[in-house]
Every structure is written in C-alpha cells, then in structure tokens.
Amino acid sequence: MESNLTAPAIVICTVGDCTSRWNDVLLGIEEEGIPFVIRETHSTDIIHNAWLAACQSPLLVGIGCDQEKLVVHYKNLPTSAPLFTLMYQQNSHDRRSIGNNAARLVKGIPFRECHS
C-alpha cells in the first residue's frame, strides 16, 4: 500500500535498498490499513532517521531501517528514545507485529505482543 504524501502516511526512511528485507513489517502495516511512503536516505543513524521520518509524517510515526536494524519512532518522544527497535534476525512474526504496532500507534489502539 505504498503511497505518496498527498494522503497521511507513515514515513519509512531506508538506508540503501533494504525494503524487501523488511517486507513482513510492511505487510503488518498494510494489515492495519495504514498507508506508508518509502524514502531513501544516506544517513546511517537509524534512530535519527526514524525520528526524522516521524517528524515528516502527518501521522507522527516514522520508521528507519537498514539491512540489519529497524526502528519505529513517534514524533513526541525524545530523539534518542525510539518506541521499538528490531534486529533482522528476530523471527518473521516479530517483524510483522512491529508493522502492526506502528500502524496501531497511528490508530491509538493497543499493541500486539512480540514473542522474541
């Protein structure tokens, strides 16, 4: 459900071409019916990228990721305190749950539990 920012969307800042690696997260966001937009960045600071993405999102939720790490951030949190951090080696259920939870943050409903 990748879209552009003409509609409110979660912004995802990627370092390099890592989108397919995090497909379970994207599917989790889609399951909750929240749109997202992907932007590539050259900065390798994943936490800062996630916070900047949250600042760019009208929904106040942003994601930063590279090949090994994914971070979900909320604009109203301190830059250094992301909401969720996930390493790729965690299982696909956890990756999907993180996507669900990013979208649930937008909706204001309780998070799903991760089982790592």
PDB file of N, CA and C in Angstrom:
ATOM      1  N   MET A   1       0.824  -1.174   0.000  1.00  0.00           N
ATOM      2  CA  MET A   1       0.000   0.000   0.000  1.00  0.00           C
ATOM      3  C   MET A   1       0.874   1.245   0.000  1.00  0.00           C
ATOM      4  N   GLU A   2       2.030   1.154  -0.543  1.00  0.00           N
ATOM      5  CA  GLU A   2       2.912   2.322  -0.607  1.00  0.00           C
ATOM      6  C   GLU A   2       2.190   3.440  -1.342  1.00  0.00           C
ATOM      7  N   SER A   3       2.275   4.620  -0.789  1.00  0.00           N
ATOM      8  CA  SER A   3       1.599   5.763  -1.393  1.00  0.00           C
ATOM      9  C   SER A   3       2.530   6.967  -1.349  1.00  0.00           C
ATOM     10  N   ASN A   4       2.037   8.094  -1.817  1.00  0.00           N
ATOM     11  CA  ASN A   4       2.826   9.313  -1.674  1.00  0.00           C
ATOM     12  C   ASN A   4       2.233  10.140  -0.541  1.00  0.00           C
ATOM     13  N   LEU A   5       2.850  11.265  -0.232  1.00  0.00           N
ATOM     14  CA  LEU A   5       2.393  12.022   0.926  1.00  0.00           C
ATOM     15  C   LEU A   5       1.257  12.985   0.617  1.00  0.00           C
ATOM     16  N   THR A   6       0.498  12.769  -0.445  1.00  0.00           N
ATOM     17  CA  THR A   6      -0.711  13.560  -0.638  1.00  0.00           C
ATOM     18  C   THR A   6      -1.760  13.113   0.365  1.00  0.00           C
ATOM     19  N   ALA A   7      -1.652  11.899   0.856  1.00  0.00           N
ATOM     20  CA  ALA A   7      -2.509  11.385   1.924  1.00  0.00           C
ATOM     21  C   ALA A   7      -1.625  11.126   3.143  1.00  0.00           C
ATOM     22  N   PRO A   8      -2.186  11.221   4.355  1.00  0.00           N
ATOM     23  CA  PRO A   8      -1.391  10.918   5.545  1.00  0.00           C
ATOM     24  C   PRO A   8      -0.817   9.503   5.476  1.00  0.00           C
ATOM     25  N   ALA A   9       0.470   9.366   5.839  1.00  0.00           N
ATOM     26  CA  ALA A   9       1.132   8.070   5.744  1.00  0.00           C
ATOM     27  C   ALA A   9       2.273   7.988   6.748  1.00  0.00           C
ATOM     28  N   ILE A  10       2.613   6.769   7.125  1.00  0.00           N
ATOM     29  CA  ILE A  10       3.820   6.523   7.899  1.00  0.00           C
ATOM     30  C   ILE A  10       4.999   6.698   6.945  1.00  0.00           C
ATOM     31  N   VAL A  11       6.005   7.454   7.343  1.00  0.00           N
ATOM     32  CA  VAL A  11       7.194   7.641   6.511  1.00  0.00           C
ATOM     33  C   VAL A  11       8.247   6.627   6.940  1.00  0.00           C
ATOM     34  N   ILE A  12       8.831   5.942   5.958  1.00  0.00           N
ATOM     35  CA  ILE A  12       9.867   4.947   6.201  1.00  0.00           C
ATOM     36  C   ILE A  12      11.135   5.405   5.493  1.00  0.00           C
ATOM     37  N   CYS A  13      12.186   5.686   6.280  1.00  0.00           N
ATOM     38  CA  CYS A  13      13.477   6.107   5.718  1.00  0.00           C
ATOM     39  C   CYS A  13      14.408   4.899   5.684  1.00  0.00           C
ATOM     40  N   THR A  14      14.829   4.523   4.499  1.00  0.00           N
ATOM     41  CA  THR A  14      15.693   3.355   4.331  1.00  0.00           C
ATOM     42  C   THR A  14      17.114   3.784   4.003  1.00  0.00           C
ATOM     43  N   VAL A  15      18.067   3.009   4.495  1.00  0.00           N
ATOM     44  CA  VAL A  15      19.470   3.191   4.138  1.00  0.00           C
ATOM     45  C   VAL A  15      19.761   2.127   3.089  1.00  0.00           C
ATOM     46  N   GLY A  16      19.943   2.550   1.852  1.00  0.00           N
ATOM     47  CA  GLY A  16      20.150   1.590   0.772  1.00  0.00           C
ATOM     48  C   GLY A  16      18.841   0.898   0.421  1.00  0.00           C
ATOM     49  N   ASP A  17      18.950  -0.129  -0.386  1.00  0.00           N
ATOM     50  CA  ASP A  17      17.780  -0.872  -0.844  1.00  0.00           C
ATOM     51  C   ASP A  17      17.498  -2.026   0.107  1.00  0.00           C
ATOM     52  N   CYS A  18      16.788  -1.745   1.198  1.00  0.00           N
ATOM     53  CA  CYS A  18      16.511  -2.787   2.193  1.00  0.00           C
ATOM     54  C   CYS A  18      15.021  -3.049   2.351  1.00  0.00           C
ATOM     55  N   THR A  19      14.195  -2.451   1.523  1.00  0.00           N
ATOM     56  CA  THR A  19      12.745  -2.580   1.665  1.00  0.00           C
ATOM     57  C   THR A  19      12.278  -4.025   1.606  1.00  0.00           C
ATOM     58  N   SER A  20      12.789  -4.803   0.663  1.00  0.00           N
ATOM     59  CA  SER A  20      12.325  -6.189   0.540  1.00  0.00           C
ATOM     60  C   SER A  20      12.715  -7.018   1.764  1.00  0.00           C
ATOM     61  N   ARG A  21      13.806  -6.662   2.397  1.00  0.00           N
ATOM     62  CA  ARG A  21      14.255  -7.376   3.595  1.00  0.00           C
ATOM     63  C   ARG A  21      13.250  -7.225   4.742  1.00  0.00           C
ATOM     64  N   TRP A  22      12.569  -6.102   4.794  1.00  0.00           N
ATOM     65  CA  TRP A  22      11.618  -5.808   5.867  1.00  0.00           C
ATOM     66  C   TRP A  22      10.172  -5.951   5.399  1.00  0.00           C
ATOM     67  N   ASN A  23       9.925  -6.788   4.415  1.00  0.00           N
ATOM     68  CA  ASN A  23       8.590  -6.958   3.850  1.00  0.00           C
ATOM     69  C   ASN A  23       7.554  -7.350   4.904  1.00  0.00           C
ATOM     70  N   ASP A  24       7.937  -8.169   5.891  1.00  0.00           N
ATOM     71  CA  ASP A  24       6.981  -8.561   6.938  1.00  0.00           C
ATOM     72  C   ASP A  24       6.475  -7.340   7.707  1.00  0.00           C
ATOM     73  N   VAL A  25       7.339  -6.368   7.950  1.00  0.00           N
ATOM     74  CA  VAL A  25       6.932  -5.141   8.639  1.00  0.00           C
ATOM     75  C   VAL A  25       5.925  -4.376   7.777  1.00  0.00           C
ATOM     76  N   LEU A  26       6.222  -4.261   6.487  1.00  0.00           N
ATOM     77  CA  LEU A  26       5.321  -3.553   5.581  1.00  0.00           C
ATOM     78  C   LEU A  26       3.963  -4.245   5.517  1.00  0.00           C
ATOM     79  N   LEU A  27       3.977  -5.577   5.499  1.00  0.00           N
ATOM     80  CA  LEU A  27       2.715  -6.326   5.490  1.00  0.00           C
ATOM     81  C   LEU A  27       1.928  -6.084   6.772  1.00  0.00           C
ATOM     82  N   GLY A  28       2.623  -5.976   7.896  1.00  0.00           N
ATOM     83  CA  GLY A  28       1.960  -5.686   9.166  1.00  0.00           C
ATOM     84  C   GLY A  28       1.277  -4.327   9.152  1.00  0.00           C
ATOM     85  N   ILE A  29       1.933  -3.336   8.551  1.00  0.00           N
ATOM     86  CA  ILE A  29       1.329  -2.006   8.433  1.00  0.00           C
ATOM     87  C   ILE A  29       0.095  -2.084   7.534  1.00  0.00           C
ATOM     88  N   GLU A  30       0.230  -2.769   6.405  1.00  0.00           N
ATOM     89  CA  GLU A  30      -0.888  -2.911   5.466  1.00  0.00           C
ATOM     90  C   GLU A  30      -2.081  -3.611   6.112  1.00  0.00           C
ATOM     91  N   GLU A  31      -1.815  -4.643   6.932  1.00  0.00           N
ATOM     92  CA  GLU A  31      -2.903  -5.363   7.600  1.00  0.00           C
ATOM     93  C   GLU A  31      -3.778  -4.436   8.424  1.00  0.00           C
ATOM     94  N   GLU A  32      -3.174  -3.392   8.961  1.00  0.00           N
ATOM     95  CA  GLU A  32      -3.915  -2.446   9.794  1.00  0.00           C
ATOM     96  C   GLU A  32      -4.537  -1.315   8.972  1.00  0.00           C
ATOM     97  N   GLY A  33      -4.284  -1.321   7.656  1.00  0.00           N
ATOM     98  CA  GLY A  33      -4.922  -0.357   6.770  1.00  0.00           C
ATOM     99  C   GLY A  33      -4.338   1.048   6.797  1.00  0.00           C
ATOM    100  N   ILE A  34      -3.085   1.161   7.211  1.00  0.00           N
ATOM    101  CA  ILE A  34      -2.435   2.476   7.258  1.00  0.00           C
ATOM    102  C   ILE A  34      -1.468   2.593   6.077  1.00  0.00           C
ATOM    103  N   PRO A  35      -1.531   3.667   5.307  1.00  0.00           N
ATOM    104  CA  PRO A  35      -0.607   3.833   4.184  1.00  0.00           C
ATOM    105  C   PRO A  35       0.803   4.198   4.660  1.00  0.00           C
ATOM    106  N   PHE A  36       1.779   3.934   3.809  1.00  0.00           N
ATOM    107  CA  PHE A  36       3.161   4.307   4.096  1.00  0.00           C
ATOM    108  C   PHE A  36       3.838   4.777   2.828  1.00  0.00           C
ATOM    109  N   VAL A  37       4.900   5.533   3.024  1.00  0.00           N
ATOM    110  CA  VAL A  37       5.714   6.005   1.903  1.00  0.00           C
ATOM    111  C   VAL A  37       7.168   5.715   2.254  1.00  0.00           C
ATOM    112  N   ILE A  38       7.935   5.284   1.275  1.00  0.00           N
ATOM    113  CA  ILE A  38       9.335   4.916   1.484  1.00  0.00           C
ATOM    114  C   ILE A  38      10.234   5.979   0.858  1.00  0.00           C
ATOM    115  N   ARG A  39      11.219   6.416   1.646  1.00  0.00           N
ATOM    116  CA  ARG A  39      12.199   7.388   1.176  1.00  0.00           C
ATOM    117  C   ARG A  39      13.593   6.861   1.493  1.00  0.00           C
ATOM    118  N   GLU A  40      14.474   6.931   0.538  1.00  0.00           N
ATOM    119  CA  GLU A  40      15.854   6.506   0.786  1.00  0.00           C
ATOM    120  C   GLU A  40      16.651   7.678   1.342  1.00  0.00           C
ATOM    121  N   THR A  41      17.546   7.358   2.289  1.00  0.00           N
ATOM    122  CA  THR A  41      18.395   8.369   2.897  1.00  0.00           C
ATOM    123  C   THR A  41      19.846   7.900   2.867  1.00  0.00           C
ATOM    124  N   HIS A  42      20.759   8.809   3.017  1.00  0.00           N
ATOM    125  CA  HIS A  42      22.178   8.452   3.033  1.00  0.00           C
ATOM    126  C   HIS A  42      22.746   8.425   4.443  1.00  0.00           C
ATOM    127  N   SER A  43      21.991   8.942   5.404  1.00  0.00           N
ATOM    128  CA  SER A  43      22.435   8.926   6.797  1.00  0.00           C
ATOM    129  C   SER A  43      22.363   7.494   7.334  1.00  0.00           C
ATOM    130  N   THR A  44      23.366   7.087   8.089  1.00  0.00           N
ATOM    131  CA  THR A  44      23.372   5.728   8.638  1.00  0.00           C
ATOM    132  C   THR A  44      22.905   5.677  10.090  1.00  0.00           C
ATOM    133  N   ASP A  45      22.451   6.797  10.648  1.00  0.00           N
ATOM    134  CA  ASP A  45      21.936   6.841  12.011  1.00  0.00           C
ATOM    135  C   ASP A  45      20.453   6.443  11.986  1.00  0.00           C
ATOM    136  N   ILE A  46      20.178   5.169  12.212  1.00  0.00           N
ATOM    137  CA  ILE A  46      18.827   4.620  12.053  1.00  0.00           C
ATOM    138  C   ILE A  46      17.838   5.275  13.022  1.00  0.00           C
ATOM    139  N   ILE A  47      18.248   5.486  14.263  1.00  0.00           N
ATOM    140  CA  ILE A  47      17.340   6.089  15.243  1.00  0.00           C
ATOM    141  C   ILE A  47      16.978   7.516  14.828  1.00  0.00           C
ATOM    142  N   HIS A  48      17.970   8.288  14.433  1.00  0.00           N
ATOM    143  CA  HIS A  48      17.703   9.655  13.990  1.00  0.00           C
ATOM    144  C   HIS A  48      16.851   9.656  12.717  1.00  0.00           C
ATOM    145  N   ASN A  49      17.124   8.729  11.801  1.00  0.00           N
ATOM    146  CA  ASN A  49      16.316   8.613  10.578  1.00  0.00           C
ATOM    147  C   ASN A  49      14.853   8.348  10.917  1.00  0.00           C
ATOM    148  N   ALA A  50      14.619   7.461  11.889  1.00  0.00           N
ATOM    149  CA  ALA A  50      13.245   7.134  12.285  1.00  0.00           C
ATOM    150  C   ALA A  50      12.551   8.353  12.882  1.00  0.00           C
ATOM    151  N   TRP A  51      13.276   9.100  13.714  1.00  0.00           N
ATOM    152  CA  TRP A  51      12.691  10.287  14.325  1.00  0.00           C
ATOM    153  C   TRP A  51      12.389  11.350  13.260  1.00  0.00           C
ATOM    154  N   LEU A  52      13.317  11.549  12.328  1.00  0.00           N
ATOM    155  CA  LEU A  52      13.067  12.498  11.238  1.00  0.00           C
ATOM    156  C   LEU A  52      11.865  12.065  10.402  1.00  0.00           C
ATOM    157  N   ALA A  53      11.753  10.764  10.165  1.00  0.00           N
ATOM    158  CA  ALA A  53      10.609  10.239   9.411  1.00  0.00           C
ATOM    159  C   ALA A  53       9.308  10.546  10.161  1.00  0.00           C
ATOM    160  N   ALA A  54       9.321  10.382  11.488  1.00  0.00           N
ATOM    161  CA  ALA A  54       8.133  10.695  12.289  1.00  0.00           C
ATOM    162  C   ALA A  54       7.780  12.178  12.187  1.00  0.00           C
ATOM    163  N   CYS A  55       8.797  13.022  12.147  1.00  0.00           N
ATOM    164  CA  CYS A  55       8.569  14.468  12.012  1.00  0.00           C
ATOM    165  C   CYS A  55       7.999  14.821  10.633  1.00  0.00           C
ATOM    166  N   GLN A  56       8.337  14.039   9.618  1.00  0.00           N
ATOM    167  CA  GLN A  56       7.854  14.280   8.261  1.00  0.00           C
ATOM    168  C   GLN A  56       6.461  13.702   8.034  1.00  0.00           C
ATOM    169  N   SER A  57       6.057  12.759   8.882  1.00  0.00           N
ATOM    170  CA  SER A  57       4.771  12.086   8.708  1.00  0.00           C
ATOM    171  C   SER A  57       3.640  12.882   9.357  1.00  0.00           C
ATOM    172  N   PRO A  58       2.566  13.131   8.623  1.00  0.00           N
ATOM    173  CA  PRO A  58       1.399  13.760   9.237  1.00  0.00           C
ATOM    174  C   PRO A  58       0.796  12.887  10.340  1.00  0.00           C
ATOM    175  N   LEU A  59       1.130  11.598  10.340  1.00  0.00           N
ATOM    176  CA  LEU A  59       0.617  10.658  11.347  1.00  0.00           C
ATOM    177  C   LEU A  59       1.524  10.582  12.576  1.00  0.00           C
ATOM    178  N   LEU A  60       2.670  11.281  12.532  1.00  0.00           N
ATOM    179  CA  LEU A  60       3.628  11.379  13.645  1.00  0.00           C
ATOM    180  C   LEU A  60       4.389  10.089  13.924  1.00  0.00           C
ATOM    181  N   VAL A  61       4.322   9.111  13.026  1.00  0.00           N
ATOM    182  CA  VAL A  61       5.011   7.832  13.188  1.00  0.00           C
ATOM    183  C   VAL A  61       5.995   7.671  12.036  1.00  0.00           C
ATOM    184  N   GLY A  62       7.236   7.307  12.381  1.00  0.00           N
ATOM    185  CA  GLY A  62       8.259   7.103  11.368  1.00  0.00           C
ATOM    186  C   GLY A  62       9.056   5.856  11.639  1.00  0.00           C
ATOM    187  N   ILE A  63       9.624   5.317  10.584  1.00  0.00           N
ATOM    188  CA  ILE A  63      10.455   4.116  10.669  1.00  0.00           C
ATOM    189  C   ILE A  63      11.772   4.405   9.965  1.00  0.00           C
ATOM    190  N   GLY A  64      12.858   3.948  10.563  1.00  0.00           N
ATOM    191  CA  GLY A  64      14.172   3.999   9.944  1.00  0.00           C
ATOM    192  C   GLY A  64      14.713   2.590   9.892  1.00  0.00           C
ATOM    193  N   CYS A  65      15.370   2.224   8.795  1.00  0.00           N
ATOM    194  CA  CYS A  65      15.899   0.860   8.712  1.00  0.00           C
ATOM    195  C   CYS A  65      17.081   0.781   7.765  1.00  0.00           C
ATOM    196  N   ASP A  66      17.899  -0.241   8.015  1.00  0.00           N
ATOM    197  CA  ASP A  66      18.960  -0.633   7.100  1.00  0.00           C
ATOM    198  C   ASP A  66      18.852  -2.147   6.950  1.00  0.00           C
ATOM    199  N   GLN A  67      19.891  -2.804   6.484  1.00  0.00           N
ATOM    200  CA  GLN A  67      19.828  -4.255   6.254  1.00  0.00           C
ATOM    201  C   GLN A  67      19.661  -5.066   7.544  1.00  0.00           C
ATOM    202  N   GLU A  68      20.099  -4.537   8.681  1.00  0.00           N
ATOM    203  CA  GLU A  68      20.104  -5.319   9.923  1.00  0.00           C
ATOM    204  C   GLU A  68      19.184  -4.822  11.024  1.00  0.00           C
ATOM    205  N   LYS A  69      18.780  -3.549  10.971  1.00  0.00           N
ATOM    206  CA  LYS A  69      18.060  -2.959  12.101  1.00  0.00           C
ATOM    207  C   LYS A  69      16.895  -2.109  11.605  1.00  0.00           C
ATOM    208  N   LEU A  70      15.793  -2.148  12.364  1.00  0.00           N
ATOM    209  CA  LEU A  70      14.631  -1.327  12.069  1.00  0.00           C
ATOM    210  C   LEU A  70      14.178  -0.670  13.366  1.00  0.00           C
ATOM    211  N   VAL A  71      13.842   0.616  13.292  1.00  0.00           N
ATOM    212  CA  VAL A  71      13.424   1.384  14.459  1.00  0.00           C
ATOM    213  C   VAL A  71      12.109   2.087  14.141  1.00  0.00           C
ATOM    214  N   VAL A  72      11.160   2.000  15.070  1.00  0.00           N
ATOM    215  CA  VAL A  72       9.900   2.740  14.968  1.00  0.00           C
ATOM    216  C   VAL A  72       9.975   3.887  15.968  1.00  0.00           C
ATOM    217  N   HIS A  73       9.651   5.089  15.498  1.00  0.00           N
ATOM    218  CA  HIS A  73       9.723   6.256  16.368  1.00  0.00           C
ATOM    219  C   HIS A  73       8.401   7.022  16.311  1.00  0.00           C
ATOM    220  N   TYR A  74       8.166   7.764  17.367  1.00  0.00           N
ATOM    221  CA  TYR A  74       6.988   8.628  17.483  1.00  0.00           C
ATOM    222  C   TYR A  74       7.488  10.056  17.682  1.00  0.00           C
ATOM    223  N   LYS A  75       6.925  10.999  16.958  1.00  0.00           N
ATOM    224  CA  LYS A  75       7.431  12.379  16.958  1.00  0.00           C
ATOM    225  C   LYS A  75       7.504  12.991  18.356  1.00  0.00           C
ATOM    226  N   ASN A  76       6.593  12.637  19.237  1.00  0.00           N
ATOM    227  CA  ASN A  76       6.541  13.263  20.556  1.00  0.00           C
ATOM    228  C   ASN A  76       7.497  12.643  21.566  1.00  0.00           C
ATOM    229  N   LEU A  77       8.279  11.649  21.161  1.00  0.00           N
ATOM    230  CA  LEU A  77       9.292  11.060  22.034  1.00  0.00           C
ATOM    231  C   LEU A  77      10.628  11.763  21.802  1.00  0.00           C
ATOM    232  N   PRO A  78      11.519  11.736  22.806  1.00  0.00           N
ATOM    233  CA  PRO A  78      12.862  12.281  22.572  1.00  0.00           C
ATOM    234  C   PRO A  78      13.551  11.541  21.426  1.00  0.00           C
ATOM    235  N   THR A  79      14.367  12.260  20.682  1.00  0.00           N
ATOM    236  CA  THR A  79      15.056  11.666  19.526  1.00  0.00           C
ATOM    237  C   THR A  79      15.784  10.380  19.895  1.00  0.00           C
ATOM    238  N   SER A  80      16.405  10.347  21.056  1.00  0.00           N
ATOM    239  CA  SER A  80      17.218   9.199  21.456  1.00  0.00           C
ATOM    240  C   SER A  80      16.406   8.056  22.075  1.00  0.00           C
ATOM    241  N   ALA A  81      15.084   8.165  22.106  1.00  0.00           N
ATOM    242  CA  ALA A  81      14.248   7.154  22.767  1.00  0.00           C
ATOM    243  C   ALA A  81      13.190   6.592  21.821  1.00  0.00           C
ATOM    244  N   PRO A  82      13.582   5.737  20.869  1.00  0.00           N
ATOM    245  CA  PRO A  82      12.591   5.178  19.942  1.00  0.00           C
ATOM    246  C   PRO A  82      11.610   4.253  20.665  1.00  0.00           C
ATOM    247  N   LEU A  83      10.483   4.052  20.042  1.00  0.00           N
ATOM    248  CA  LEU A  83       9.445   3.206  20.620  1.00  0.00           C
ATOM    249  C   LEU A  83       9.790   1.722  20.508  1.00  0.00           C
ATOM    250  N   PHE A  84      10.210   1.284  19.320  1.00  0.00           N
ATOM    251  CA  PHE A  84      10.577  -0.118  19.082  1.00  0.00           C
ATOM    252  C   PHE A  84      11.885  -0.188  18.312  1.00  0.00           C
ATOM    253  N   THR A  85      12.704  -1.169  18.645  1.00  0.00           N
ATOM    254  CA  THR A  85      13.913  -1.480  17.887  1.00  0.00           C
ATOM    255  C   THR A  85      13.887  -2.964  17.585  1.00  0.00           C
ATOM    256  N   LEU A  86      14.164  -3.318  16.353  1.00  0.00           N
ATOM    257  CA  LEU A  86      14.080  -4.714  15.912  1.00  0.00           C
ATOM    258  C   LEU A  86      15.316  -5.050  15.090  1.00  0.00           C
ATOM    259  N   MET A  87      15.931  -6.165  15.395  1.00  0.00           N
ATOM    260  CA  MET A  87      17.044  -6.658  14.590  1.00  0.00           C
ATOM    261  C   MET A  87      16.495  -7.675  13.592  1.00  0.00           C
ATOM    262  N   TYR A  88      17.082  -7.739  12.404  1.00  0.00           N
ATOM    263  CA  TYR A  88      16.531  -8.600  11.356  1.00  0.00           C
ATOM    264  C   TYR A  88      16.476 -10.063  11.769  1.00  0.00           C
ATOM    265  N   GLN A  89      17.436 -10.536  12.578  1.00  0.00           N
ATOM    266  CA  GLN A  89      17.456 -11.961  12.915  1.00  0.00           C
ATOM    267  C   GLN A  89      16.290 -12.392  13.795  1.00  0.00           C
ATOM    268  N   GLN A  90      15.505 -11.433  14.318  1.00  0.00           N
ATOM    269  CA  GLN A  90      14.298 -11.814  15.037  1.00  0.00           C
ATOM    270  C   GLN A  90      13.325 -12.443  14.049  1.00  0.00           C
ATOM    271  N   ASN A  91      12.397 -13.239  14.548  1.00  0.00           N
ATOM    272  CA  ASN A  91      11.546 -14.031  13.648  1.00  0.00           C
ATOM    273  C   ASN A  91      10.546 -13.184  12.862  1.00  0.00           C
ATOM    274  N   SER A  92       9.986 -13.784  11.824  1.00  0.00           N
ATOM    275  CA  SER A  92       9.082 -13.057  10.932  1.00  0.00           C
ATOM    276  C   SER A  92       7.809 -12.613  11.657  1.00  0.00           C
ATOM    277  N   HIS A  93       7.373 -13.361  12.664  1.00  0.00           N
ATOM    278  CA  HIS A  93       6.198 -12.949  13.440  1.00  0.00           C
ATOM    279  C   HIS A  93       6.478 -11.626  14.148  1.00  0.00           C
ATOM    280  N   ASP A  94       7.665 -11.498  14.740  1.00  0.00           N
ATOM    281  CA  ASP A  94       8.032 -10.249  15.408  1.00  0.00           C
ATOM    282  C   ASP A  94       8.112  -9.098  14.414  1.00  0.00           C
ATOM    283  N   ARG A  95       8.668  -9.362  13.235  1.00  0.00           N
ATOM    284  CA  ARG A  95       8.752  -8.311  12.222  1.00  0.00           C
ATOM    285  C   ARG A  95       7.350  -7.844  11.820  1.00  0.00           C
ATOM    286  N   ARG A  96       6.445  -8.770  11.625  1.00  0.00           N
ATOM    287  CA  ARG A  96       5.073  -8.410  11.246  1.00  0.00           C
ATOM    288  C   ARG A  96       4.371  -7.658  12.385  1.00  0.00           C
ATOM    289  N   SER A  97       4.597  -8.116  13.622  1.00  0.00           N
ATOM    290  CA  SER A  97       3.981  -7.454  14.784  1.00  0.00           C
ATOM    291  C   SER A  97       4.458  -6.011  14.927  1.00  0.00           C
ATOM    292  N   ILE A  98       5.736  -5.768  14.623  1.00  0.00           N
ATOM    293  CA  ILE A  98       6.247  -4.394  14.684  1.00  0.00           C
ATOM    294  C   ILE A  98       5.513  -3.516  13.666  1.00  0.00           C
ATOM    295  N   GLY A  99       5.268  -4.043  12.490  1.00  0.00           N
ATOM    296  CA  GLY A  99       4.486  -3.301  11.492  1.00  0.00           C
ATOM    297  C   GLY A  99       3.069  -3.037  11.981  1.00  0.00           C
ATOM    298  N   ASN A 100       2.440  -4.083  12.547  1.00  0.00           N
ATOM    299  CA  ASN A 100       1.105  -3.906  13.126  1.00  0.00           C
ATOM    300  C   ASN A 100       1.130  -2.807  14.179  1.00  0.00           C
ATOM    301  N   ASN A 101       2.142  -2.853  15.057  1.00  0.00           N
ATOM    302  CA  ASN A 101       2.207  -1.903  16.167  1.00  0.00           C
ATOM    303  C   ASN A 101       2.472  -0.474  15.707  1.00  0.00           C
ATOM    304  N   ALA A 102       3.260  -0.305  14.671  1.00  0.00           N
ATOM    305  CA  ALA A 102       3.469   1.041  14.124  1.00  0.00           C
ATOM    306  C   ALA A 102       2.131   1.611  13.645  1.00  0.00           C
ATOM    307  N   ALA A 103       1.355   0.787  12.962  1.00  0.00           N
ATOM    308  CA  ALA A 103       0.042   1.219  12.473  1.00  0.00           C
ATOM    309  C   ALA A 103      -0.939   1.408  13.628  1.00  0.00           C
ATOM    310  N   ARG A 104      -0.867   0.559  14.638  1.00  0.00           N
ATOM    311  CA  ARG A 104      -1.759   0.682  15.795  1.00  0.00           C
ATOM    312  C   ARG A 104      -1.462   1.952  16.593  1.00  0.00           C
ATOM    313  N   LEU A 105      -0.221   2.380  16.584  1.00  0.00           N
ATOM    314  CA  LEU A 105       0.121   3.644  17.222  1.00  0.00           C
ATOM    315  C   LEU A 105      -0.651   4.784  16.560  1.00  0.00           C
ATOM    316  N   VAL A 106      -0.717   4.751  15.238  1.00  0.00           N
ATOM    317  CA  VAL A 106      -1.475   5.751  14.487  1.00  0.00           C
ATOM    318  C   VAL A 106      -2.955   5.693  14.870  1.00  0.00           C
ATOM    319  N   LYS A 107      -3.488   4.474  14.988  1.00  0.00           N
ATOM    320  CA  LYS A 107      -4.907   4.287  15.289  1.00  0.00           C
ATOM    321  C   LYS A 107      -5.249   4.538  16.752  1.00  0.00           C
ATOM    322  N   GLY A 108      -4.240   4.494  17.625  1.00  0.00           N
ATOM    323  CA  GLY A 108      -4.492   4.683  19.047  1.00  0.00           C
ATOM    324  C   GLY A 108      -5.103   3.474  19.715  1.00  0.00           C
ATOM    325  N   ILE A 109      -4.755   2.269  19.215  1.00  0.00           N
ATOM    326  CA  ILE A 109      -5.276   1.038  19.825  1.00  0.00           C
ATOM    327  C   ILE A 109      -4.115   0.230  20.412  1.00  0.00           C
ATOM    328  N   PRO A 110      -4.395  -0.719  21.322  1.00  0.00           N
ATOM    329  CA  PRO A 110      -3.316  -1.466  21.995  1.00  0.00           C
ATOM    330  C   PRO A 110      -2.403  -2.216  21.011  1.00  0.00           C
ATOM    331  N   PHE A 111      -1.144  -2.326  21.421  1.00  0.00           N
ATOM    332  CA  PHE A 111      -0.136  -3.015  20.616  1.00  0.00           C
ATOM    333  C   PHE A 111      -0.314  -4.531  20.682  1.00  0.00           C
ATOM    334  N   ARG A 112       0.199  -5.202  19.657  1.00  0.00           N
ATOM    335  CA  ARG A 112       0.305  -6.660  19.661  1.00  0.00           C
ATOM    336  C   ARG A 112       1.607  -7.049  20.338  1.00  0.00           C
ATOM    337  N   GLU A 113       1.604  -8.178  20.975  1.00  0.00           N
ATOM    338  CA  GLU A 113       2.797  -8.663  21.667  1.00  0.00           C
ATOM    339  C   GLU A 113       3.767  -9.310  20.690  1.00  0.00           C
ATOM    340  N   CYS A 114       5.047  -9.021  20.861  1.00  0.00           N
ATOM    341  CA  CYS A 114       6.095  -9.693  20.091  1.00  0.00           C
ATOM    342  C   CYS A 114       6.615 -10.845  20.938  1.00  0.00           C
ATOM    343  N   HIS A 115       7.052 -11.903  20.301  1.00  0.00           N
ATOM    344  CA  HIS A 115       7.456 -13.117  21.016  1.00  0.00           C
ATOM    345  C   HIS A 115       8.926 -13.441  20.899  1.00  0.00           C
ATOM    346  N   SER A 116       9.797 -12.447  20.794  1.00  0.00           N
ATOM    347  CA  SER A 116      11.216 -12.776  20.595  1.00  0.00           C
ATOM    348  C   SER A 116      11.913 -13.264  21.817  1.00  0.00           C
TER     349      SER A 116
END
